[in-house]
Each structure stands twice: as structure tokens, then as C-alpha cells.
N, C-alpha and C. Protein backbone atom coordinates (compact mmCIF):
# COMPACT_ATOMS: atom_id res chain seq x y z
N UNK A 1 145.22 24.57 134.81
CA UNK A 1 145.26 26.23 133.50
C UNK A 1 144.28 25.76 132.36
N UNK A 2 144.02 24.59 132.68
CA UNK A 2 143.24 24.33 131.74
C UNK A 2 141.56 25.11 131.92
N UNK A 3 141.44 24.90 134.00
CA UNK A 3 140.35 26.12 134.28
C UNK A 3 140.08 27.52 134.17
N UNK A 4 141.45 27.89 133.87
CA UNK A 4 141.82 29.13 134.31
C UNK A 4 141.43 29.79 132.73
N UNK A 5 141.86 29.31 132.15
CA UNK A 5 141.36 29.10 129.76
C UNK A 5 139.85 29.03 129.66
N UNK A 6 139.24 28.34 130.25
CA UNK A 6 138.29 28.04 130.17
C UNK A 6 137.53 29.56 130.56
N UNK A 7 137.79 29.73 131.63
CA UNK A 7 136.64 30.84 132.57
C UNK A 7 137.14 32.55 131.60
N UNK A 8 138.58 32.11 131.27
CA UNK A 8 138.84 33.05 130.49
C UNK A 8 138.33 33.49 128.82
N UNK A 9 138.00 32.48 128.37
CA UNK A 9 137.69 32.01 127.32
C UNK A 9 136.57 31.92 126.84
N UNK A 10 135.40 31.67 128.51
CA UNK A 10 133.78 31.55 128.80
C UNK A 10 134.13 33.93 129.03
N UNK A 11 134.80 34.59 129.91
CA UNK A 11 134.90 35.41 130.09
C UNK A 11 134.78 36.41 128.35
N UNK A 12 135.95 35.92 127.43
CA UNK A 12 135.78 36.59 126.70
C UNK A 12 134.72 36.34 125.38
N UNK A 13 135.00 34.77 125.63
CA UNK A 13 132.95 34.81 125.14
C UNK A 13 131.93 35.77 124.72
N UNK A 14 131.57 35.76 126.26
CA UNK A 14 130.34 36.72 126.90
C UNK A 14 130.93 38.31 126.60
N UNK A 15 132.11 38.47 126.91
CA UNK A 15 132.45 40.19 126.75
C UNK A 15 131.80 40.27 125.13
N UNK A 16 132.66 39.27 124.00
CA UNK A 16 132.18 39.21 122.89
C UNK A 16 131.14 39.44 121.61
N UNK A 17 130.45 38.29 122.80
CA UNK A 17 129.04 38.17 123.01
C UNK A 17 128.29 39.40 123.00
N UNK A 18 128.48 39.60 124.20
CA UNK A 18 127.50 41.03 124.77
C UNK A 18 128.50 42.73 123.48
N UNK A 19 129.67 42.62 123.09
CA UNK A 19 130.02 43.88 122.66
C UNK A 19 129.37 43.38 121.39
N UNK A 20 129.33 42.49 120.83
CA UNK A 20 128.54 42.26 119.51
C UNK A 20 126.66 42.96 119.33
N UNK A 21 126.39 42.07 120.83
CA UNK A 21 125.04 43.00 121.57
C UNK A 21 124.96 44.49 121.28
N UNK A 22 126.07 44.95 121.50
CA UNK A 22 125.96 46.18 121.11
C UNK A 22 125.90 46.83 120.66
N UNK A 23 126.81 46.18 119.92
CA UNK A 23 127.40 46.69 118.53
C UNK A 23 125.82 46.92 117.29
N UNK A 24 125.25 45.36 117.38
CA UNK A 24 124.14 45.79 117.08
C UNK A 24 123.24 46.41 117.60
N UNK A 25 122.92 46.09 118.40
CA UNK A 25 121.61 47.49 119.30
C UNK A 25 122.25 49.24 118.84
N UNK A 26 123.59 49.61 118.97
CA UNK A 26 124.23 50.83 118.78
C UNK A 26 124.22 50.56 117.52
N UNK A 27 123.87 49.83 115.90
CA UNK A 27 124.00 49.64 114.30
C UNK A 27 122.61 50.21 114.80
N UNK A 28 121.99 49.61 114.58
CA UNK A 28 119.84 49.72 114.89
C UNK A 28 119.16 51.51 115.51
N UNK A 29 120.11 51.49 116.23
CA UNK A 29 120.05 52.96 117.16
C UNK A 29 120.16 54.22 115.75
N UNK A 30 121.21 53.51 114.99
CA UNK A 30 122.45 54.34 114.32
C UNK A 30 121.06 54.36 113.03
N UNK A 31 120.86 53.44 113.00
CA UNK A 31 120.17 53.04 111.02
C UNK A 31 118.69 53.97 110.89
N UNK A 32 118.08 54.13 112.60
CA UNK A 32 116.17 54.64 113.45
C UNK A 32 116.60 56.13 113.14
N UNK A 33 118.01 56.08 113.52
CA UNK A 33 118.82 58.17 114.24
C UNK A 33 118.55 58.73 112.70
N UNK A 34 119.42 57.27 111.16
CA UNK A 34 119.64 58.30 110.49
C UNK A 34 117.84 57.86 109.51
N UNK A 35 117.75 57.46 109.85
CA UNK A 35 116.01 57.07 109.53
C UNK A 35 115.33 58.22 110.04
N UNK A 36 115.85 58.69 111.37
CA UNK A 36 114.57 59.73 111.25
C UNK A 36 115.15 60.78 111.05
N UNK A 37 116.33 61.00 110.29
CA UNK A 37 117.02 62.33 110.17
C UNK A 37 116.63 61.93 108.61
N UNK A 38 116.92 61.63 107.83
CA UNK A 38 115.84 61.62 106.39
C UNK A 38 114.54 62.13 106.45
N UNK A 39 113.85 61.10 106.99
CA UNK A 39 112.00 61.64 107.69
C UNK A 39 112.30 62.94 107.62
N UNK A 40 112.90 63.67 108.71
CA UNK A 40 113.04 64.92 108.87
C UNK A 40 113.61 66.07 107.73
N UNK A 41 114.19 65.65 107.08
CA UNK A 41 115.15 66.58 105.97
C UNK A 41 113.94 66.23 104.94
N UNK A 42 113.52 65.52 104.08
CA UNK A 42 112.64 65.14 103.65
C UNK A 42 111.46 66.01 103.54
N UNK A 43 110.59 66.10 104.99
CA UNK A 43 109.80 67.31 105.22
C UNK A 43 110.36 68.31 105.04
N UNK A 44 111.18 68.85 105.71
CA UNK A 44 111.90 70.02 105.91
C UNK A 44 112.25 70.44 104.52
N UNK A 45 112.26 70.23 103.56
CA UNK A 45 112.61 69.65 102.56
C UNK A 45 111.54 70.70 101.91
N UNK A 46 110.17 69.58 101.57
CA UNK A 46 108.82 69.66 101.06
C UNK A 46 108.55 71.22 101.79
N UNK A 47 108.49 71.44 103.10
CA UNK A 47 108.66 72.35 103.77
C UNK A 47 109.51 73.51 102.73
N UNK A 48 110.03 73.63 102.77
CA UNK A 48 110.84 74.74 102.11
C UNK A 48 110.98 75.07 100.74
N UNK A 49 110.33 73.78 100.39
CA UNK A 49 110.00 73.49 98.84
C UNK A 49 108.40 74.45 98.32
N UNK A 50 107.95 74.18 98.90
CA UNK A 50 106.74 74.88 99.25
C UNK A 50 106.29 76.05 100.14
N UNK A 51 107.35 76.77 101.19
CA UNK A 51 108.00 78.20 101.28
C UNK A 51 108.57 78.74 99.74
N UNK A 52 109.05 78.08 99.42
CA UNK A 52 109.52 78.51 98.31
C UNK A 52 108.49 78.43 96.72
N UNK A 53 107.95 77.53 96.84
CA UNK A 53 107.23 77.98 95.47
C UNK A 53 105.84 78.70 96.02
N UNK A 54 106.01 79.18 97.15
CA UNK A 54 104.67 79.73 97.96
C UNK A 54 105.09 81.83 97.31
N UNK A 55 106.18 81.62 98.35
CA UNK A 55 106.94 83.03 97.78
C UNK A 55 107.33 83.39 96.68
N UNK A 56 107.65 82.36 95.74
CA UNK A 56 107.45 82.66 94.31
C UNK A 56 106.39 83.23 93.58
N UNK A 57 105.48 82.29 94.26
CA UNK A 57 103.71 83.13 93.24
C UNK A 57 103.71 84.18 93.79
N UNK A 58 104.15 84.14 95.13
CA UNK A 58 103.93 85.75 96.14
C UNK A 58 104.23 86.91 95.02
N UNK A 59 105.87 86.67 94.49
CA UNK A 59 105.91 87.47 93.85
C UNK A 59 106.21 87.98 92.93
N UNK A 60 105.60 86.43 91.67
CA UNK A 60 104.78 86.70 90.59
C UNK A 60 104.01 87.71 90.58
N UNK A 61 102.81 87.47 91.16
CA UNK A 61 101.84 88.09 91.59
C UNK A 61 102.06 89.89 92.30
N UNK A 62 102.94 89.95 93.27
CA UNK A 62 103.19 91.73 93.80
C UNK A 62 104.16 92.11 92.30
N UNK A 63 104.65 91.25 91.19
CA UNK A 63 104.86 91.50 90.23
C UNK A 63 103.79 92.37 89.05
N UNK A 64 103.59 91.52 88.65
CA UNK A 64 101.53 91.41 87.73
C UNK A 64 101.28 92.65 88.78
N UNK A 65 100.95 92.52 89.45
CA UNK A 65 99.79 93.46 90.61
C UNK A 65 100.90 95.15 89.93
N UNK A 66 102.42 94.64 90.42
CA UNK A 66 102.72 96.55 90.32
C UNK A 66 102.59 97.04 88.78
N UNK A 67 102.99 95.73 87.84
CA UNK A 67 102.96 95.82 86.71
C UNK A 67 101.20 96.88 86.00
N UNK A 68 100.64 96.35 86.81
CA UNK A 68 98.89 96.56 86.03
C UNK A 68 99.20 97.56 86.93
N UNK A 69 99.42 97.84 87.84
CA UNK A 69 99.60 99.22 88.01
C UNK A 69 99.82 100.26 87.43
N UNK A 70 100.93 99.81 87.76
CA UNK A 70 101.97 101.21 86.30
C UNK A 70 101.22 101.41 85.06
N UNK A 71 100.55 100.00 84.58
CA UNK A 71 100.38 100.48 83.29
C UNK A 71 98.97 101.19 83.08
N UNK A 72 98.06 101.53 84.53
CA UNK A 72 97.19 102.05 84.72
C UNK A 72 97.35 103.47 84.92
N UNK A 73 98.73 103.77 85.60
CA UNK A 73 98.91 105.02 85.60
C UNK A 73 99.99 105.78 84.81
N UNK A 74 100.36 104.55 83.91
CA UNK A 74 100.67 105.63 82.60
C UNK A 74 99.26 105.72 81.29
N UNK A 75 98.22 105.13 81.64
CA UNK A 75 96.99 105.11 80.68
C UNK A 75 96.30 106.00 81.38
N UNK A 76 96.54 106.30 82.84
CA UNK A 76 95.40 108.12 83.34
C UNK A 76 96.68 109.28 82.70
N UNK A 77 97.84 109.14 82.82
CA UNK A 77 98.87 110.53 82.67
C UNK A 77 98.65 111.26 80.96
N UNK A 78 98.71 109.15 80.26
CA UNK A 78 98.03 109.86 78.93
C UNK A 78 97.09 110.40 78.30
N UNK A 79 95.31 109.80 79.30
CA UNK A 79 94.48 110.68 79.18
C UNK A 79 94.79 111.88 79.72
N UNK A 80 95.25 112.20 80.52
CA UNK A 80 95.21 113.23 81.21
C UNK A 80 96.07 114.87 80.20
N UNK A 81 97.01 114.29 80.13
CA UNK A 81 97.87 114.72 78.83
C UNK A 81 97.42 115.15 77.30
N UNK A 82 96.24 114.54 76.99
CA UNK A 82 95.12 114.20 75.62
C UNK A 82 94.20 115.28 76.13
N UNK A 83 93.30 115.25 77.82
CA UNK A 83 92.74 116.31 77.95
C UNK A 83 93.10 117.28 78.65
N UNK A 84 95.12 118.08 78.58
CA UNK A 84 95.21 119.10 79.13
C UNK A 84 95.24 120.02 77.26
N UNK A 85 95.81 118.91 76.57
CA UNK A 85 96.27 119.23 75.32
C UNK A 85 94.59 119.69 74.20
N UNK A 86 93.98 118.66 74.50
CA UNK A 86 92.41 119.42 73.65
C UNK A 86 91.80 121.05 74.60
N UNK A 87 92.21 120.58 76.90
CA UNK A 87 91.67 122.11 76.44
C UNK A 87 92.35 123.29 76.03
N UNK A 88 94.43 123.08 76.09
CA UNK A 88 94.46 124.22 75.42
C UNK A 88 94.82 124.47 73.86
N UNK A 89 93.69 124.21 72.94
CA UNK A 89 93.45 123.62 71.92
C UNK A 89 92.23 124.97 72.56
N UNK A 90 91.44 124.74 72.89
CA UNK A 90 90.25 124.94 73.10
C UNK A 90 90.12 126.54 73.65
N UNK A 91 91.34 126.13 74.02
CA UNK A 91 91.62 127.70 75.24
C UNK A 91 92.38 129.05 73.30
N UNK A 92 92.99 128.22 72.88
CA UNK A 92 93.64 128.95 71.81
C UNK A 92 92.53 129.04 71.01
N UNK A 93 91.87 128.39 70.33
CA UNK A 93 90.84 128.81 70.20
C UNK A 93 89.30 130.30 69.85
N UNK A 94 89.11 129.47 71.26
CA UNK A 94 88.81 131.28 71.97
C UNK A 94 89.46 131.94 71.66
N UNK A 95 90.93 132.22 72.36
CA UNK A 95 91.08 133.54 72.21
C UNK A 95 91.10 134.22 70.46
N UNK A 96 91.62 133.18 69.51
CA UNK A 96 91.97 133.43 68.12
C UNK A 96 89.88 133.22 67.48
N UNK A 97 88.76 133.64 68.19
CA UNK A 97 87.44 133.61 67.66
C UNK A 97 87.38 134.50 66.58
N UNK A 98 86.62 134.76 65.92
CA UNK A 98 86.77 136.13 64.89
C UNK A 98 85.66 136.96 65.79
N UNK A 99 86.39 138.09 65.50
CA UNK A 99 85.55 139.02 66.73
C UNK A 99 84.32 139.42 66.93
N UNK A 100 83.48 138.91 65.96
CA UNK A 100 81.93 139.23 66.27
C UNK A 100 81.88 138.27 67.55
N UNK A 101 82.21 136.45 67.25
CA UNK A 101 82.21 135.98 67.94
C UNK A 101 82.26 136.02 69.59
N UNK A 102 84.05 136.55 68.82
CA UNK A 102 84.85 137.01 70.63
C UNK A 102 83.96 137.69 71.10
N UNK A 103 83.50 139.20 70.81
CA UNK A 103 82.84 139.99 71.50
C UNK A 103 81.88 139.78 71.77
N UNK A 104 80.66 138.97 71.55
CA UNK A 104 80.81 138.62 72.05
C UNK A 104 79.42 137.59 72.96
N UNK A 105 80.64 136.51 73.00
CA UNK A 105 80.88 135.58 74.27
C UNK A 105 81.32 136.46 75.59
N UNK A 106 82.83 138.17 75.05
CA UNK A 106 82.35 139.01 75.87
C UNK A 106 81.46 139.59 76.47
N UNK A 107 80.40 139.79 75.79
CA UNK A 107 79.51 140.48 75.78
C UNK A 107 78.86 139.56 77.07
N UNK A 108 78.52 138.52 76.74
CA UNK A 108 77.67 137.27 77.60
C UNK A 108 78.53 137.27 78.95
N UNK A 109 80.09 137.75 79.45
CA UNK A 109 80.48 137.26 80.43
C UNK A 109 80.14 138.98 81.30
N UNK A 110 80.24 139.96 80.73
CA UNK A 110 80.20 140.91 80.99
C UNK A 110 78.38 140.94 81.97
N UNK A 111 77.47 140.81 80.93
CA UNK A 111 76.37 140.70 81.60
C UNK A 111 76.31 139.44 83.34
N UNK A 112 77.47 138.79 83.25
CA UNK A 112 77.51 137.29 84.49
C UNK A 112 77.72 138.44 85.71
N UNK A 113 79.01 139.12 84.78
CA UNK A 113 80.03 140.12 86.26
C UNK A 113 80.25 141.44 86.59
N UNK A 114 79.06 141.99 85.49
CA UNK A 114 78.68 143.07 85.94
C UNK A 114 78.10 144.02 86.65
N UNK A 115 78.34 145.08 88.22
CA UNK A 115 77.42 144.82 89.18
C UNK A 115 77.43 146.30 89.31
N UNK A 116 76.77 146.80 89.94
CA UNK A 116 75.50 147.77 89.87
C UNK A 116 76.39 149.21 91.23
N UNK A 117 77.52 149.42 90.13
CA UNK A 117 78.84 150.49 90.53
C UNK A 117 78.97 150.44 89.38
N UNK A 118 80.17 151.89 89.73
CA UNK A 118 80.67 152.72 88.80
C UNK A 118 82.07 152.49 89.42
N UNK A 119 83.20 151.50 87.76
CA UNK A 119 84.02 151.13 87.85
C UNK A 119 84.72 151.42 85.97
N UNK A 120 85.44 150.62 86.61
CA UNK A 120 86.62 150.21 85.10
C UNK A 120 86.58 148.51 84.31
N UNK A 121 86.58 148.58 83.25
CA UNK A 121 87.14 147.61 82.57
C UNK A 121 88.63 147.64 81.69
N UNK A 122 89.03 146.69 82.25
CA UNK A 122 90.70 146.73 81.13
C UNK A 122 90.07 144.90 80.84
N UNK A 123 91.19 145.81 79.42
CA UNK A 123 91.16 144.14 78.06
C UNK A 123 92.85 144.47 77.90
N UNK A 124 93.12 142.99 77.33
CA UNK A 124 94.61 143.33 76.75
C UNK A 124 94.56 144.08 75.76
N UNK A 125 95.91 144.53 75.10
CA UNK A 125 96.42 144.89 73.77
C UNK A 125 95.79 145.15 72.86
N UNK A 126 95.77 143.57 72.56
CA UNK A 126 95.63 142.70 71.21
C UNK A 126 93.95 142.84 71.61
N UNK A 127 92.88 143.33 72.37
CA UNK A 127 91.26 142.89 72.60
C UNK A 127 91.22 144.99 72.51
N UNK A 128 92.05 145.40 72.41
CA UNK A 128 91.76 146.78 72.89
C UNK A 128 91.62 147.53 71.02
N UNK A 129 92.86 146.47 70.46
CA UNK A 129 93.19 147.07 68.65
C UNK A 129 91.84 146.37 68.02
N UNK A 130 91.53 145.40 68.31
CA UNK A 130 90.83 144.59 67.21
C UNK A 130 89.03 145.35 67.63
N UNK A 131 88.73 145.74 68.97
CA UNK A 131 87.59 145.92 69.20
C UNK A 131 86.43 146.74 68.43
N UNK A 132 85.67 146.27 68.10
CA UNK A 132 84.21 146.91 67.23
C UNK A 132 83.97 148.04 68.40
N UNK A 133 83.86 148.77 66.90
CA UNK A 133 83.76 150.49 67.71
C UNK A 133 82.41 150.56 68.15
N UNK A 134 81.18 149.60 67.99
CA UNK A 134 80.65 150.18 69.06
C UNK A 134 79.84 149.31 70.42
N UNK A 135 81.54 148.42 71.03
CA UNK A 135 81.00 147.82 71.85
C UNK A 135 81.45 148.64 72.98
N UNK A 136 82.13 149.05 73.10
CA UNK A 136 82.02 150.00 74.14
C UNK A 136 80.51 151.24 74.48
N UNK A 137 79.71 151.36 73.92
CA UNK A 137 78.00 151.14 73.49
C UNK A 137 77.84 150.27 74.23
N UNK A 138 78.20 149.01 74.10
CA UNK A 138 77.34 147.96 74.32
C UNK A 138 77.86 147.64 75.70
N UNK A 139 78.98 148.05 76.09
CA UNK A 139 79.62 147.54 77.17
C UNK A 139 79.32 148.81 78.43
N UNK A 140 78.48 149.70 77.88
CA UNK A 140 77.44 150.64 79.17
C UNK A 140 76.11 150.39 79.00
N UNK A 141 75.62 150.33 77.71
CA UNK A 141 74.43 149.41 78.20
C UNK A 141 74.64 147.96 78.78
N UNK A 142 75.91 147.54 79.12
CA UNK A 142 75.10 146.43 79.19
C UNK A 142 75.28 146.41 80.98
N UNK A 143 76.06 147.44 81.45
CA UNK A 143 76.79 148.21 82.71
C UNK A 143 74.93 149.04 82.77
N UNK A 144 74.60 149.58 82.82
CA UNK A 144 73.67 150.42 83.00
C UNK A 144 72.35 148.75 83.35
N UNK A 145 72.29 148.19 82.46
CA UNK A 145 71.34 147.20 83.21
C UNK A 145 71.33 146.50 84.28
N UNK A 146 72.40 146.63 84.23
CA UNK A 146 72.78 146.18 86.09
C UNK A 146 72.52 147.23 87.15
N UNK A 147 72.27 148.48 86.17
CA UNK A 147 72.24 149.64 87.52
C UNK A 147 73.68 149.76 88.40
N UNK A 148 75.10 149.74 86.49
CA UNK A 148 75.71 151.02 87.23
C UNK A 148 76.95 151.53 85.61
N UNK A 149 77.81 151.64 85.53
CA UNK A 149 78.56 152.62 84.75
C UNK A 149 79.84 152.00 85.41
N UNK A 150 80.31 151.38 83.47
CA UNK A 150 82.00 150.82 83.31
C UNK A 150 82.52 152.05 82.28
N UNK A 151 83.69 152.53 82.58
CA UNK A 151 85.03 153.09 81.75
C UNK A 151 85.30 151.92 81.16
N UNK A 152 85.49 152.27 80.42
CA UNK A 152 86.98 151.47 78.96
C UNK A 152 88.62 151.70 79.38
N UNK A 153 89.33 151.15 79.66
CA UNK A 153 90.84 151.98 79.93
C UNK A 153 91.08 151.62 78.66
N UNK A 154 91.65 152.94 78.30
CA UNK A 154 92.61 152.83 77.31
C UNK A 154 93.67 152.32 77.30
N UNK A 155 94.48 152.57 78.88
CA UNK A 155 95.80 151.28 78.97
C UNK A 155 95.69 150.10 79.09
N UNK A 156 96.56 148.48 78.20
CA UNK A 156 95.69 147.92 78.26
C UNK A 156 96.91 147.08 79.55
N UNK A 157 96.13 145.49 79.50
CA UNK A 157 96.11 144.66 81.35
C UNK A 157 97.20 143.97 80.08
N UNK A 158 98.14 142.92 80.67
CA UNK A 158 98.77 141.87 80.58
C UNK A 158 98.04 140.84 81.03
N UNK A 159 97.64 139.74 79.64
CA UNK A 159 96.40 138.81 79.55
C UNK A 159 96.41 138.91 78.12
N UNK A 160 96.28 137.23 78.15
CA UNK A 160 95.78 136.99 76.93
C UNK A 160 94.40 137.15 76.39
N UNK A 161 93.51 137.39 76.95
CA UNK A 161 92.21 137.18 76.18
C UNK A 161 90.90 137.68 77.67
N UNK A 162 89.75 138.47 77.21
CA UNK A 162 88.79 138.73 78.31
C UNK A 162 88.99 139.94 78.77
N UNK A 163 88.47 139.76 80.08
CA UNK A 163 88.66 141.46 80.31
C UNK A 163 88.83 141.73 81.99
N UNK A 164 88.91 141.81 82.76
CA UNK A 164 89.28 142.48 84.22
C UNK A 164 88.05 143.40 84.09
N UNK A 165 87.49 143.66 85.69
CA UNK A 165 86.54 144.54 85.87
C UNK A 165 87.35 144.80 87.40
N UNK A 166 87.57 146.61 87.54
CA UNK A 166 87.60 146.91 88.72
C UNK A 166 86.94 148.29 88.72
N UNK A 167 86.14 147.43 90.61
CA UNK A 167 85.80 147.77 91.11
C UNK A 167 85.69 148.98 92.41
N UNK A 168 86.45 150.21 92.66
CA UNK A 168 86.91 150.90 93.98
C UNK A 168 87.98 150.32 94.64
N UNK A 169 88.93 149.25 93.47
CA UNK A 169 89.74 148.71 93.86
C UNK A 169 90.11 147.46 94.13
N UNK A 170 88.36 146.64 94.34
CA UNK A 170 88.28 145.11 93.60
C UNK A 170 88.18 145.03 92.06
N UNK A 171 89.18 143.87 92.44
CA UNK A 171 89.19 142.91 91.06
C UNK A 171 88.76 141.60 90.49
N UNK A 172 87.72 141.53 89.17
CA UNK A 172 86.86 140.74 89.27
C UNK A 172 88.24 140.23 87.44
N UNK A 173 88.26 139.13 87.73
CA UNK A 173 88.86 138.91 86.65
C UNK A 173 88.19 137.55 85.88
N UNK A 174 88.03 138.03 84.79
CA UNK A 174 86.79 137.95 83.97
C UNK A 174 87.95 137.51 82.46
N UNK A 175 89.23 137.28 82.69
CA UNK A 175 90.51 136.75 81.70
C UNK A 175 89.66 135.68 81.11
N UNK A 176 90.36 135.33 79.86
CA UNK A 176 89.46 133.68 79.46
C UNK A 176 90.66 132.76 80.37
N UNK A 177 91.36 132.80 80.35
CA UNK A 177 92.46 131.51 81.30
C UNK A 177 91.57 131.54 82.79
N UNK A 178 91.41 132.71 83.19
CA UNK A 178 90.73 132.73 84.21
C UNK A 178 89.55 131.86 84.36
N UNK A 179 88.38 132.33 83.69
CA UNK A 179 87.74 131.28 83.55
C UNK A 179 87.63 130.20 82.75
N UNK A 180 88.69 129.40 82.43
CA UNK A 180 89.02 128.19 81.94
C UNK A 180 89.96 127.62 82.93
N UNK A 181 90.31 128.32 83.96
CA UNK A 181 91.01 127.41 85.49
C UNK A 181 89.79 127.29 85.69
N UNK A 182 88.75 128.52 85.98
CA UNK A 182 88.03 127.73 87.05
C UNK A 182 86.79 126.55 86.82
N UNK A 183 86.68 126.31 84.85
CA UNK A 183 85.53 125.56 84.79
C UNK A 183 86.75 124.44 84.57
N UNK A 184 88.03 124.66 85.13
CA UNK A 184 89.08 123.12 84.51
C UNK A 184 88.53 122.02 84.35
N UNK A 185 88.11 121.74 86.27
CA UNK A 185 87.51 120.30 86.21
C UNK A 185 86.08 119.98 85.53
N UNK A 186 84.84 120.85 84.91
CA UNK A 186 84.47 120.60 84.16
C UNK A 186 84.39 120.36 82.99
N UNK A 187 85.43 120.93 82.24
CA UNK A 187 85.70 121.01 81.03
C UNK A 187 86.88 119.31 81.11
N UNK A 188 87.39 119.24 81.84
CA UNK A 188 87.74 117.73 81.71
C UNK A 188 87.60 116.42 81.89
N UNK A 189 85.95 116.79 82.42
CA UNK A 189 85.42 115.41 82.50
C UNK A 189 84.44 115.30 80.89
N UNK A 190 84.12 116.06 80.46
CA UNK A 190 83.19 117.00 79.37
C UNK A 190 84.75 115.98 78.42
N UNK A 191 85.11 116.37 77.96
CA UNK A 191 85.86 116.18 77.39
C UNK A 191 86.43 114.75 77.18
N UNK A 192 86.63 114.23 78.33
CA UNK A 192 86.89 112.92 78.81
C UNK A 192 86.21 112.16 78.71
N UNK A 193 84.44 112.34 78.53
CA UNK A 193 83.44 111.19 77.83
C UNK A 193 83.47 111.70 76.20
N UNK A 194 83.65 112.48 76.18
CA UNK A 194 83.57 112.90 74.53
C UNK A 194 85.04 111.63 73.94
N UNK A 195 85.96 111.47 74.55
CA UNK A 195 86.93 111.17 73.62
C UNK A 195 87.18 109.75 74.77
N UNK A 196 86.74 109.09 75.49
CA UNK A 196 86.93 108.02 75.77
C UNK A 196 85.69 107.05 76.91
N UNK A 197 84.99 107.54 76.71
CA UNK A 197 83.73 106.49 77.03
C UNK A 197 82.96 106.11 75.65
């Protein structure tokens, strides 16, 4: 039996030795896999950290850009409000000029817009009330210089100031509001240059 026992022992020794080798190889392989996994994890972690950092920078830049755009829009809106306020005050000042200056301005407008036709000129109730006595003569003389004839309507039109010319049913709006509206962009540019440049 000793020969059989020796064989058993030798088989067991070889099996143990083979098992230890397998275990050793498995440990080495496991350590290699773990090391590779750690390296991959570290690489991915670095990539993720870089991506996160890039996204954070990008977000910060977008916020800064958006804030700057909002600041510029607010500044532009404030400028536009100031310009509009100045134009509104100028409009009111024109409406409330002294009668001599006011009607002199209306005469110049009439020289520009009168046509060589017969027509009617309309004023607001306030302008009819404060019209200088000889202004109707000025209107007729101005119309005649253009080869036309104008009658001042005693019926007031609903407007702030200026006048409306009517020739054969066609109206020419020469109110102060219409003049300001027509020159809105040009006047805004002038005000902007005076105030903001």
C-alpha cells in the first residue's frame, strides 16, 4: 500500500502544486485586471473632470455673454426712452411757442406744402383762437405765390397744432405731430448725437 499511498501523495502534491500555480496565475491576472480597471477609471475620471471643467467654463461664458447682452439691451432701452422723452418735450415746446414764432413756423410749412390749387386750410380750435389777425392774409398771399387759393375753415379740426390742407377731397397732413412723426428717425439721431456722443 505504500506504493499506492505514494502515488496518491504524488498526485495530490501535483494537484496542489497545479492548483497553487493556477491560483497564482489567477491572482496575477486579477491584479492586472484591477490595475487596468483603475487606470481606465482614472482616465475616465480625468476625462469627466475635464469635460465638467469645460462645461462649467462654457456655462460661465454663456452667462457672462447673456448678462452683457441684457446690460446692452437695458442701456439701449434707457437711451431710447431718454430720446423719446426729449422729443416729447420738444413737441410740447413747439406747440406752446409764442404766437408770433409759432405762426411764423406755420407760414414756412405752408410755403413748402401749399399747392397751385384752390383748397381749404384747417386749424385746431386753440390755433384758431390765438391766430394773429393778419395771418389769414399771410395764408392767402402764400397760396397765391404758389398759384393757388386757400380759405381758412372756421370749423376746427381735432388736432394739437399745425394745419391740414384739403384740395378736392385730398388731405395733406401738416400737423406738428405728423411733422415730428415724419422726422422721427432724423430727430432721434440728432438727439442721440447731442446726448450720447
